[in-house]
Full PDB file with SEQRES, HELIX, SHEET, SSBOND, CRYST1, ORIGX, SCALE, CONECT and MASTER records, all heavy atoms in Angstrom:
SEQRES   1 A   39  GLN LYS THR PRO ASN GLU ILE ALA LEU ASP ILE LEU LEU          
SEQRES   2 A   39  ALA GLY MET THR ILE ILE PHE LEU ILE ALA VAL ALA THR          
SEQRES   3 A   39  LEU VAL GLY PHE ALA SER TRP GLY GLY GLU PRO PRO SER          
HELIX    1 AA1 PRO A    4  GLY A   34  1                                  31    
CRYST1    1.000    1.000    1.000  90.00  90.00  90.00 P 1           1          
ORIGX1      1.000000  0.000000  0.000000        0.00000                         
ORIGX2      0.000000  1.000000  0.000000        0.00000                         
ORIGX3      0.000000  0.000000  1.000000        0.00000                         
SCALE1      1.000000  0.000000  0.000000        0.00000                         
SCALE2      0.000000  1.000000  0.000000        0.00000                         
SCALE3      0.000000  0.000000  1.000000        0.00000                         
ATOM      1  N   GLN A   1      -8.394  15.671 -17.894  1.00  0.00           N  
ATOM      2  CA  GLN A   1      -7.129  15.105 -18.374  1.00  0.00           C  
ATOM      3  C   GLN A   1      -6.028  15.304 -17.335  1.00  0.00           C  
ATOM      4  O   GLN A   1      -5.997  16.293 -16.631  1.00  0.00           O  
ATOM      5  CB  GLN A   1      -6.741  15.748 -19.702  1.00  0.00           C  
ATOM      6  CG  GLN A   1      -7.794  15.617 -20.808  1.00  0.00           C  
ATOM      7  CD  GLN A   1      -7.996  14.220 -21.261  1.00  0.00           C  
ATOM      8  OE1 GLN A   1      -6.991  13.485 -21.355  1.00  0.00           O  
ATOM      9  NE2 GLN A   1      -9.216  13.801 -21.461  1.00  0.00           N  
ATOM     10  N   LYS A   2      -5.077  14.370 -17.354  1.00  0.00           N  
ATOM     11  CA  LYS A   2      -3.935  14.525 -16.407  1.00  0.00           C  
ATOM     12  C   LYS A   2      -3.068  15.671 -16.904  1.00  0.00           C  
ATOM     13  O   LYS A   2      -2.887  15.872 -18.093  1.00  0.00           O  
ATOM     14  CB  LYS A   2      -3.111  13.258 -16.370  1.00  0.00           C  
ATOM     15  CG  LYS A   2      -3.817  12.124 -15.572  1.00  0.00           C  
ATOM     16  CD  LYS A   2      -2.812  10.963 -15.270  1.00  0.00           C  
ATOM     17  CE  LYS A   2      -3.472   9.990 -14.327  1.00  0.00           C  
ATOM     18  NZ  LYS A   2      -2.525   8.894 -13.957  1.00  0.00           N  
ATOM     19  N   THR A   3      -2.558  16.365 -15.943  1.00  0.00           N  
ATOM     20  CA  THR A   3      -1.685  17.518 -16.235  1.00  0.00           C  
ATOM     21  C   THR A   3      -0.265  17.060 -16.478  1.00  0.00           C  
ATOM     22  O   THR A   3       0.091  15.925 -16.098  1.00  0.00           O  
ATOM     23  CB  THR A   3      -1.668  18.522 -15.073  1.00  0.00           C  
ATOM     24  OG1 THR A   3      -1.051  17.905 -13.928  1.00  0.00           O  
ATOM     25  CG2 THR A   3      -3.089  18.884 -14.656  1.00  0.00           C  
ATOM     26  N   PRO A   4       0.591  17.834 -17.135  1.00  0.00           N  
ATOM     27  CA  PRO A   4       1.957  17.490 -17.343  1.00  0.00           C  
ATOM     28  C   PRO A   4       2.672  17.122 -16.003  1.00  0.00           C  
ATOM     29  O   PRO A   4       3.516  16.177 -16.065  1.00  0.00           O  
ATOM     30  CB  PRO A   4       2.555  18.713 -18.016  1.00  0.00           C  
ATOM     31  CG  PRO A   4       1.402  19.341 -18.663  1.00  0.00           C  
ATOM     32  CD  PRO A   4       0.243  19.109 -17.826  1.00  0.00           C  
ATOM     33  N   ASN A   5       2.375  17.870 -14.972  1.00  0.00           N  
ATOM     34  CA  ASN A   5       3.016  17.577 -13.708  1.00  0.00           C  
ATOM     35  C   ASN A   5       2.691  16.199 -13.184  1.00  0.00           C  
ATOM     36  O   ASN A   5       3.484  15.447 -12.676  1.00  0.00           O  
ATOM     37  CB  ASN A   5       2.640  18.656 -12.677  1.00  0.00           C  
ATOM     38  CG  ASN A   5       3.409  18.569 -11.406  1.00  0.00           C  
ATOM     39  OD1 ASN A   5       3.196  17.649 -10.617  1.00  0.00           O  
ATOM     40  ND2 ASN A   5       4.319  19.520 -11.224  1.00  0.00           N  
ATOM     41  N   GLU A   6       1.351  15.855 -13.330  1.00  0.00           N  
ATOM     42  CA  GLU A   6       0.886  14.540 -12.896  1.00  0.00           C  
ATOM     43  C   GLU A   6       1.548  13.439 -13.753  1.00  0.00           C  
ATOM     44  O   GLU A   6       1.927  12.412 -13.206  1.00  0.00           O  
ATOM     45  CB  GLU A   6      -0.643  14.463 -13.008  1.00  0.00           C  
ATOM     46  CG  GLU A   6      -1.401  15.037 -11.875  1.00  0.00           C  
ATOM     47  CD  GLU A   6      -2.897  14.846 -12.032  1.00  0.00           C  
ATOM     48  OE1 GLU A   6      -3.490  15.564 -12.809  1.00  0.00           O  
ATOM     49  OE2 GLU A   6      -3.427  13.891 -11.392  1.00  0.00           O  
ATOM     50  N   ILE A   7       1.619  13.664 -15.016  1.00  0.00           N  
ATOM     51  CA  ILE A   7       2.186  12.645 -15.950  1.00  0.00           C  
ATOM     52  C   ILE A   7       3.646  12.452 -15.546  1.00  0.00           C  
ATOM     53  O   ILE A   7       4.110  11.315 -15.475  1.00  0.00           O  
ATOM     54  CB  ILE A   7       2.027  13.136 -17.403  1.00  0.00           C  
ATOM     55  CG1 ILE A   7       0.609  13.129 -17.797  1.00  0.00           C  
ATOM     56  CG2 ILE A   7       2.790  12.163 -18.293  1.00  0.00           C  
ATOM     57  CD1 ILE A   7       0.318  13.724 -19.142  1.00  0.00           C  
ATOM     58  N   ALA A   8       4.374  13.543 -15.313  1.00  0.00           N  
ATOM     59  CA  ALA A   8       5.773  13.448 -14.945  1.00  0.00           C  
ATOM     60  C   ALA A   8       5.930  12.679 -13.631  1.00  0.00           C  
ATOM     61  O   ALA A   8       6.810  11.826 -13.453  1.00  0.00           O  
ATOM     62  CB  ALA A   8       6.430  14.832 -14.818  1.00  0.00           C  
ATOM     63  N   LEU A   9       5.051  12.976 -12.682  1.00  0.00           N  
ATOM     64  CA  LEU A   9       5.122  12.280 -11.383  1.00  0.00           C  
ATOM     65  C   LEU A   9       4.767  10.788 -11.516  1.00  0.00           C  
ATOM     66  O   LEU A   9       5.332   9.948 -10.864  1.00  0.00           O  
ATOM     67  CB  LEU A   9       4.210  12.981 -10.356  1.00  0.00           C  
ATOM     68  CG  LEU A   9       4.418  12.622  -8.889  1.00  0.00           C  
ATOM     69  CD1 LEU A   9       5.875  12.704  -8.476  1.00  0.00           C  
ATOM     70  CD2 LEU A   9       3.578  13.470  -7.998  1.00  0.00           C  
ATOM     71  N   ASP A  10       3.843  10.523 -12.434  1.00  0.00           N  
ATOM     72  CA  ASP A  10       3.412   9.143 -12.672  1.00  0.00           C  
ATOM     73  C   ASP A  10       4.619   8.338 -13.217  1.00  0.00           C  
ATOM     74  O   ASP A  10       4.885   7.240 -12.862  1.00  0.00           O  
ATOM     75  CB  ASP A  10       2.296   9.035 -13.726  1.00  0.00           C  
ATOM     76  CG  ASP A  10       0.945   9.070 -13.064  1.00  0.00           C  
ATOM     77  OD1 ASP A  10       0.881   8.684 -11.875  1.00  0.00           O  
ATOM     78  OD2 ASP A  10      -0.080   9.431 -13.711  1.00  0.00           O  
ATOM     79  N   ILE A  11       5.385   9.035 -14.105  1.00  0.00           N  
ATOM     80  CA  ILE A  11       6.551   8.355 -14.715  1.00  0.00           C  
ATOM     81  C   ILE A  11       7.587   8.070 -13.617  1.00  0.00           C  
ATOM     82  O   ILE A  11       8.220   7.042 -13.555  1.00  0.00           O  
ATOM     83  CB  ILE A  11       7.120   9.202 -15.833  1.00  0.00           C  
ATOM     84  CG1 ILE A  11       6.137   9.289 -17.009  1.00  0.00           C  
ATOM     85  CG2 ILE A  11       8.466   8.660 -16.307  1.00  0.00           C  
ATOM     86  CD1 ILE A  11       6.551  10.239 -18.090  1.00  0.00           C  
ATOM     87  N   LEU A  12       7.822   9.090 -12.699  1.00  0.00           N  
ATOM     88  CA  LEU A  12       8.784   8.954 -11.623  1.00  0.00           C  
ATOM     89  C   LEU A  12       8.326   7.754 -10.685  1.00  0.00           C  
ATOM     90  O   LEU A  12       9.200   6.916 -10.377  1.00  0.00           O  
ATOM     91  CB  LEU A  12       8.855  10.190 -10.817  1.00  0.00           C  
ATOM     92  CG  LEU A  12       9.694  10.153  -9.519  1.00  0.00           C  
ATOM     93  CD1 LEU A  12      11.093   9.885  -9.888  1.00  0.00           C  
ATOM     94  CD2 LEU A  12       9.505  11.455  -8.717  1.00  0.00           C  
ATOM     95  N   LEU A  13       7.058   7.697 -10.412  1.00  0.00           N  
ATOM     96  CA  LEU A  13       6.590   6.625  -9.452  1.00  0.00           C  
ATOM     97  C   LEU A  13       6.719   5.263 -10.144  1.00  0.00           C  
ATOM     98  O   LEU A  13       7.076   4.277  -9.502  1.00  0.00           O  
ATOM     99  CB  LEU A  13       5.131   6.861  -9.090  1.00  0.00           C  
ATOM    100  CG  LEU A  13       4.900   8.163  -8.286  1.00  0.00           C  
ATOM    101  CD1 LEU A  13       3.416   8.288  -7.944  1.00  0.00           C  
ATOM    102  CD2 LEU A  13       5.758   8.246  -7.056  1.00  0.00           C  
ATOM    103  N   ALA A  14       6.400   5.223 -11.443  1.00  0.00           N  
ATOM    104  CA  ALA A  14       6.534   3.928 -12.194  1.00  0.00           C  
ATOM    105  C   ALA A  14       7.973   3.501 -12.248  1.00  0.00           C  
ATOM    106  O   ALA A  14       8.365   2.342 -12.047  1.00  0.00           O  
ATOM    107  CB  ALA A  14       5.982   4.097 -13.556  1.00  0.00           C  
ATOM    108  N   GLY A  15       8.901   4.492 -12.495  1.00  0.00           N  
ATOM    109  CA  GLY A  15      10.328   4.141 -12.462  1.00  0.00           C  
ATOM    110  C   GLY A  15      10.820   3.649 -11.146  1.00  0.00           C  
ATOM    111  O   GLY A  15      11.555   2.646 -11.063  1.00  0.00           O  
ATOM    112  N   MET A  16      10.373   4.324 -10.054  1.00  0.00           N  
ATOM    113  CA  MET A  16      10.759   3.846  -8.686  1.00  0.00           C  
ATOM    114  C   MET A  16      10.225   2.446  -8.439  1.00  0.00           C  
ATOM    115  O   MET A  16      10.880   1.595  -7.810  1.00  0.00           O  
ATOM    116  CB  MET A  16      10.276   4.836  -7.629  1.00  0.00           C  
ATOM    117  CG  MET A  16      10.928   6.206  -7.660  1.00  0.00           C  
ATOM    118  SD  MET A  16      10.304   7.354  -6.426  1.00  0.00           S  
ATOM    119  CE  MET A  16      10.859   6.508  -4.889  1.00  0.00           C  
ATOM    120  N   THR A  17       9.038   2.155  -8.885  1.00  0.00           N  
ATOM    121  CA  THR A  17       8.428   0.870  -8.673  1.00  0.00           C  
ATOM    122  C   THR A  17       9.214  -0.220  -9.408  1.00  0.00           C  
ATOM    123  O   THR A  17       9.500  -1.293  -8.859  1.00  0.00           O  
ATOM    124  CB  THR A  17       6.929   0.867  -9.192  1.00  0.00           C  
ATOM    125  OG1 THR A  17       6.220   1.803  -8.521  1.00  0.00           O  
ATOM    126  CG2 THR A  17       6.326  -0.500  -9.009  1.00  0.00           C  
ATOM    127  N   ILE A  18       9.627   0.028 -10.645  1.00  0.00           N  
ATOM    128  CA  ILE A  18      10.471  -0.865 -11.408  1.00  0.00           C  
ATOM    129  C   ILE A  18      11.813  -1.108 -10.694  1.00  0.00           C  
ATOM    130  O   ILE A  18      12.230  -2.315 -10.610  1.00  0.00           O  
ATOM    131  CB  ILE A  18      10.672  -0.410 -12.856  1.00  0.00           C  
ATOM    132  CG1 ILE A  18       9.323  -0.406 -13.572  1.00  0.00           C  
ATOM    133  CG2 ILE A  18      11.721  -1.253 -13.552  1.00  0.00           C  
ATOM    134  CD1 ILE A  18       9.384   0.252 -14.957  1.00  0.00           C  
ATOM    135  N   ILE A  19      12.379  -0.052 -10.228  1.00  0.00           N  
ATOM    136  CA  ILE A  19      13.714  -0.157  -9.528  1.00  0.00           C  
ATOM    137  C   ILE A  19      13.576  -1.095  -8.293  1.00  0.00           C  
ATOM    138  O   ILE A  19      14.392  -2.031  -8.115  1.00  0.00           O  
ATOM    139  CB  ILE A  19      14.243   1.208  -9.172  1.00  0.00           C  
ATOM    140  CG1 ILE A  19      14.680   1.972 -10.420  1.00  0.00           C  
ATOM    141  CG2 ILE A  19      15.465   1.103  -8.243  1.00  0.00           C  
ATOM    142  CD1 ILE A  19      15.016   3.400 -10.185  1.00  0.00           C  
ATOM    143  N   PHE A  20      12.568  -0.845  -7.471  1.00  0.00           N  
ATOM    144  CA  PHE A  20      12.376  -1.638  -6.301  1.00  0.00           C  
ATOM    145  C   PHE A  20      11.946  -3.063  -6.628  1.00  0.00           C  
ATOM    146  O   PHE A  20      12.300  -4.050  -5.882  1.00  0.00           O  
ATOM    147  CB  PHE A  20      11.350  -1.042  -5.361  1.00  0.00           C  
ATOM    148  CG  PHE A  20      11.922   0.103  -4.566  1.00  0.00           C  
ATOM    149  CD1 PHE A  20      11.422   1.395  -4.648  1.00  0.00           C  
ATOM    150  CD2 PHE A  20      12.968  -0.084  -3.648  1.00  0.00           C  
ATOM    151  CE1 PHE A  20      11.966   2.464  -3.942  1.00  0.00           C  
ATOM    152  CE2 PHE A  20      13.453   0.961  -2.867  1.00  0.00           C  
ATOM    153  CZ  PHE A  20      12.980   2.266  -3.025  1.00  0.00           C  
ATOM    154  N   LEU A  21      11.272  -3.256  -7.706  1.00  0.00           N  
ATOM    155  CA  LEU A  21      10.894  -4.632  -8.161  1.00  0.00           C  
ATOM    156  C   LEU A  21      12.121  -5.419  -8.515  1.00  0.00           C  
ATOM    157  O   LEU A  21      12.297  -6.583  -8.124  1.00  0.00           O  
ATOM    158  CB  LEU A  21       9.915  -4.475  -9.369  1.00  0.00           C  
ATOM    159  CG  LEU A  21       9.263  -5.822  -9.835  1.00  0.00           C  
ATOM    160  CD1 LEU A  21       8.477  -6.490  -8.735  1.00  0.00           C  
ATOM    161  CD2 LEU A  21       8.449  -5.573 -11.105  1.00  0.00           C  
ATOM    162  N   ILE A  22      13.020  -4.783  -9.257  1.00  0.00           N  
ATOM    163  CA  ILE A  22      14.292  -5.438  -9.606  1.00  0.00           C  
ATOM    164  C   ILE A  22      15.128  -5.728  -8.342  1.00  0.00           C  
ATOM    165  O   ILE A  22      15.697  -6.794  -8.127  1.00  0.00           O  
ATOM    166  CB  ILE A  22      15.092  -4.545 -10.618  1.00  0.00           C  
ATOM    167  CG1 ILE A  22      14.327  -4.438 -11.928  1.00  0.00           C  
ATOM    168  CG2 ILE A  22      16.475  -5.141 -10.830  1.00  0.00           C  
ATOM    169  CD1 ILE A  22      15.002  -3.449 -12.914  1.00  0.00           C  
ATOM    170  N   ALA A  23      15.136  -4.713  -7.439  1.00  0.00           N  
ATOM    171  CA  ALA A  23      15.972  -4.858  -6.204  1.00  0.00           C  
ATOM    172  C   ALA A  23      15.454  -6.012  -5.392  1.00  0.00           C  
ATOM    173  O   ALA A  23      16.180  -6.830  -4.854  1.00  0.00           O  
ATOM    174  CB  ALA A  23      15.906  -3.584  -5.442  1.00  0.00           C  
ATOM    175  N   VAL A  24      14.145  -6.129  -5.201  1.00  0.00           N  
ATOM    176  CA  VAL A  24      13.534  -7.236  -4.434  1.00  0.00           C  
ATOM    177  C   VAL A  24      13.779  -8.564  -5.051  1.00  0.00           C  
ATOM    178  O   VAL A  24      14.049  -9.580  -4.411  1.00  0.00           O  
ATOM    179  CB  VAL A  24      12.047  -6.989  -4.242  1.00  0.00           C  
ATOM    180  CG1 VAL A  24      11.387  -8.211  -3.590  1.00  0.00           C  
ATOM    181  CG2 VAL A  24      11.792  -5.790  -3.299  1.00  0.00           C  
ATOM    182  N   ALA A  25      13.691  -8.621  -6.411  1.00  0.00           N  
ATOM    183  CA  ALA A  25      13.897  -9.894  -7.159  1.00  0.00           C  
ATOM    184  C   ALA A  25      15.355 -10.355  -6.948  1.00  0.00           C  
ATOM    185  O   ALA A  25      15.612 -11.571  -6.784  1.00  0.00           O  
ATOM    186  CB  ALA A  25      13.631  -9.701  -8.616  1.00  0.00           C  
ATOM    187  N   THR A  26      16.307  -9.417  -6.971  1.00  0.00           N  
ATOM    188  CA  THR A  26      17.733  -9.822  -6.793  1.00  0.00           C  
ATOM    189  C   THR A  26      18.056 -10.305  -5.380  1.00  0.00           C  
ATOM    190  O   THR A  26      19.013 -10.963  -5.116  1.00  0.00           O  
ATOM    191  CB  THR A  26      18.632  -8.642  -7.169  1.00  0.00           C  
ATOM    192  OG1 THR A  26      18.324  -7.551  -6.327  1.00  0.00           O  
ATOM    193  CG2 THR A  26      18.482  -8.295  -8.607  1.00  0.00           C  
ATOM    194  N   LEU A  27      17.146  -9.891  -4.453  1.00  0.00           N  
ATOM    195  CA  LEU A  27      17.382 -10.329  -3.019  1.00  0.00           C  
ATOM    196  C   LEU A  27      17.232 -11.852  -2.883  1.00  0.00           C  
ATOM    197  O   LEU A  27      17.767 -12.411  -1.909  1.00  0.00           O  
ATOM    198  CB  LEU A  27      16.403  -9.590  -2.100  1.00  0.00           C  
ATOM    199  CG  LEU A  27      16.720  -8.127  -1.752  1.00  0.00           C  
ATOM    200  CD1 LEU A  27      15.601  -7.537  -0.860  1.00  0.00           C  
ATOM    201  CD2 LEU A  27      18.034  -8.032  -1.092  1.00  0.00           C  
ATOM    202  N   VAL A  28      16.432 -12.413  -3.764  1.00  0.00           N  
ATOM    203  CA  VAL A  28      16.297 -13.880  -3.660  1.00  0.00           C  
ATOM    204  C   VAL A  28      17.621 -14.570  -3.782  1.00  0.00           C  
ATOM    205  O   VAL A  28      17.961 -15.445  -2.990  1.00  0.00           O  
ATOM    206  CB  VAL A  28      15.282 -14.396  -4.716  1.00  0.00           C  
ATOM    207  CG1 VAL A  28      15.126 -15.902  -4.676  1.00  0.00           C  
ATOM    208  CG2 VAL A  28      13.889 -13.731  -4.514  1.00  0.00           C  
ATOM    209  N   GLY A  29      18.336 -14.201  -4.829  1.00  0.00           N  
ATOM    210  CA  GLY A  29      19.655 -14.838  -5.032  1.00  0.00           C  
ATOM    211  C   GLY A  29      20.597 -14.469  -3.953  1.00  0.00           C  
ATOM    212  O   GLY A  29      21.443 -15.327  -3.497  1.00  0.00           O  
ATOM    213  N   PHE A  30      20.607 -13.221  -3.533  1.00  0.00           N  
ATOM    214  CA  PHE A  30      21.527 -12.752  -2.470  1.00  0.00           C  
ATOM    215  C   PHE A  30      21.252 -13.533  -1.161  1.00  0.00           C  
ATOM    216  O   PHE A  30      22.178 -14.008  -0.475  1.00  0.00           O  
ATOM    217  CB  PHE A  30      21.332 -11.270  -2.243  1.00  0.00           C  
ATOM    218  CG  PHE A  30      22.111 -10.734  -1.128  1.00  0.00           C  
ATOM    219  CD1 PHE A  30      23.516 -10.493  -1.291  1.00  0.00           C  
ATOM    220  CD2 PHE A  30      21.511 -10.406   0.092  1.00  0.00           C  
ATOM    221  CE1 PHE A  30      24.217  -9.974  -0.258  1.00  0.00           C  
ATOM    222  CE2 PHE A  30      22.261  -9.870   1.145  1.00  0.00           C  
ATOM    223  CZ  PHE A  30      23.645  -9.664   0.927  1.00  0.00           C  
ATOM    224  N   ALA A  31      19.998 -13.732  -0.871  1.00  0.00           N  
ATOM    225  CA  ALA A  31      19.639 -14.392   0.408  1.00  0.00           C  
ATOM    226  C   ALA A  31      19.935 -15.873   0.322  1.00  0.00           C  
ATOM    227  O   ALA A  31      20.382 -16.539   1.268  1.00  0.00           O  
ATOM    228  CB  ALA A  31      18.187 -14.181   0.740  1.00  0.00           C  
ATOM    229  N   SER A  32      19.746 -16.473  -0.888  1.00  0.00           N  
ATOM    230  CA  SER A  32      20.073 -17.907  -1.080  1.00  0.00           C  
ATOM    231  C   SER A  32      21.573 -18.154  -0.848  1.00  0.00           C  
ATOM    232  O   SER A  32      21.903 -19.175  -0.323  1.00  0.00           O  
ATOM    233  CB  SER A  32      19.631 -18.330  -2.557  1.00  0.00           C  
ATOM    234  OG  SER A  32      18.268 -18.181  -2.653  1.00  0.00           O  
ATOM    235  N   TRP A  33      22.388 -17.203  -1.307  1.00  0.00           N  
ATOM    236  CA  TRP A  33      23.776 -17.360  -1.180  1.00  0.00           C  
ATOM    237  C   TRP A  33      24.175 -17.280   0.307  1.00  0.00           C  
ATOM    238  O   TRP A  33      25.131 -17.946   0.778  1.00  0.00           O  
ATOM    239  CB  TRP A  33      24.459 -16.203  -2.017  1.00  0.00           C  
ATOM    240  CG  TRP A  33      25.987 -16.254  -1.806  1.00  0.00           C  
ATOM    241  CD1 TRP A  33      26.914 -17.087  -2.369  1.00  0.00           C  
ATOM    242  CD2 TRP A  33      26.728 -15.328  -0.997  1.00  0.00           C  
ATOM    243  NE1 TRP A  33      28.142 -16.726  -1.992  1.00  0.00           N  
ATOM    244  CE2 TRP A  33      28.099 -15.682  -1.153  1.00  0.00           C  
ATOM    245  CE3 TRP A  33      26.401 -14.241  -0.207  1.00  0.00           C  
ATOM    246  CZ2 TRP A  33      29.112 -14.989  -0.478  1.00  0.00           C  
ATOM    247  CZ3 TRP A  33      27.395 -13.542   0.433  1.00  0.00           C  
ATOM    248  CH2 TRP A  33      28.735 -13.894   0.318  1.00  0.00           C  
ATOM    249  N   GLY A  34      23.515 -16.409   1.041  1.00  0.00           N  
ATOM    250  CA  GLY A  34      23.858 -16.234   2.449  1.00  0.00           C  
ATOM    251  C   GLY A  34      23.161 -17.198   3.375  1.00  0.00           C  
ATOM    252  O   GLY A  34      23.486 -17.220   4.587  1.00  0.00           O  
ATOM    253  N   GLY A  35      22.162 -17.904   2.948  1.00  0.00           N  
ATOM    254  CA  GLY A  35      21.365 -18.793   3.849  1.00  0.00           C  
ATOM    255  C   GLY A  35      20.048 -19.070   3.276  1.00  0.00           C  
ATOM    256  O   GLY A  35      19.867 -19.127   2.043  1.00  0.00           O  
ATOM    257  N   GLU A  36      19.114 -19.252   4.112  1.00  0.00           N  
ATOM    258  CA  GLU A  36      17.725 -19.577   3.647  1.00  0.00           C  
ATOM    259  C   GLU A  36      17.073 -18.410   3.042  1.00  0.00           C  
ATOM    260  O   GLU A  36      16.958 -17.268   3.702  1.00  0.00           O  
ATOM    261  CB  GLU A  36      16.853 -20.052   4.838  1.00  0.00           C  
ATOM    262  CG  GLU A  36      15.458 -20.490   4.446  1.00  0.00           C  
ATOM    263  CD  GLU A  36      14.683 -20.957   5.669  1.00  0.00           C  
ATOM    264  OE1 GLU A  36      15.255 -21.062   6.748  1.00  0.00           O  
ATOM    265  OE2 GLU A  36      13.449 -21.229   5.467  1.00  0.00           O  
ATOM    266  N   PRO A  37      16.547 -18.477   1.808  1.00  0.00           N  
ATOM    267  CA  PRO A  37      15.906 -17.299   1.210  1.00  0.00           C  
ATOM    268  C   PRO A  37      14.569 -16.979   1.808  1.00  0.00           C  
ATOM    269  O   PRO A  37      13.898 -17.837   2.374  1.00  0.00           O  
ATOM    270  CB  PRO A  37      15.722 -17.744  -0.257  1.00  0.00           C  
ATOM    271  CG  PRO A  37      15.605 -19.210  -0.180  1.00  0.00           C  
ATOM    272  CD  PRO A  37      16.572 -19.650   0.962  1.00  0.00           C  
ATOM    273  N   PRO A  38      14.164 -15.704   1.806  1.00  0.00           N  
ATOM    274  CA  PRO A  38      12.868 -15.366   2.440  1.00  0.00           C  
ATOM    275  C   PRO A  38      11.700 -15.912   1.539  1.00  0.00           C  
ATOM    276  O   PRO A  38      11.874 -16.117   0.360  1.00  0.00           O  
ATOM    277  CB  PRO A  38      12.879 -13.804   2.471  1.00  0.00           C  
ATOM    278  CG  PRO A  38      13.807 -13.440   1.345  1.00  0.00           C  
ATOM    279  CD  PRO A  38      14.873 -14.571   1.363  1.00  0.00           C  
ATOM    280  N   SER A  39      10.541 -16.051   2.132  1.00  0.00           N  
ATOM    281  CA  SER A  39       9.387 -16.504   1.412  1.00  0.00           C  
ATOM    282  C   SER A  39       8.860 -15.474   0.403  1.00  0.00           C  
ATOM    283  O   SER A  39       9.180 -14.305   0.548  1.00  0.00           O  
ATOM    284  CB  SER A  39       8.322 -16.943   2.408  1.00  0.00           C  
ATOM    285  OG  SER A  39       7.797 -15.771   3.029  1.00  0.00           O  
TER     286      SER A  39                                                      
MASTER        0    0    0    1    0    0    0    6  285    1    0    3          
END                                                                             
């Protein structure tokens, strides 16, 4: 079974993944405003 430490770290990694997912998604609009959006 996963230990409490592993579970806590899993939650941290999942949270960081969601944050970067949101950040990358918002870059599309930011780049479109400044010029050609990335692929």
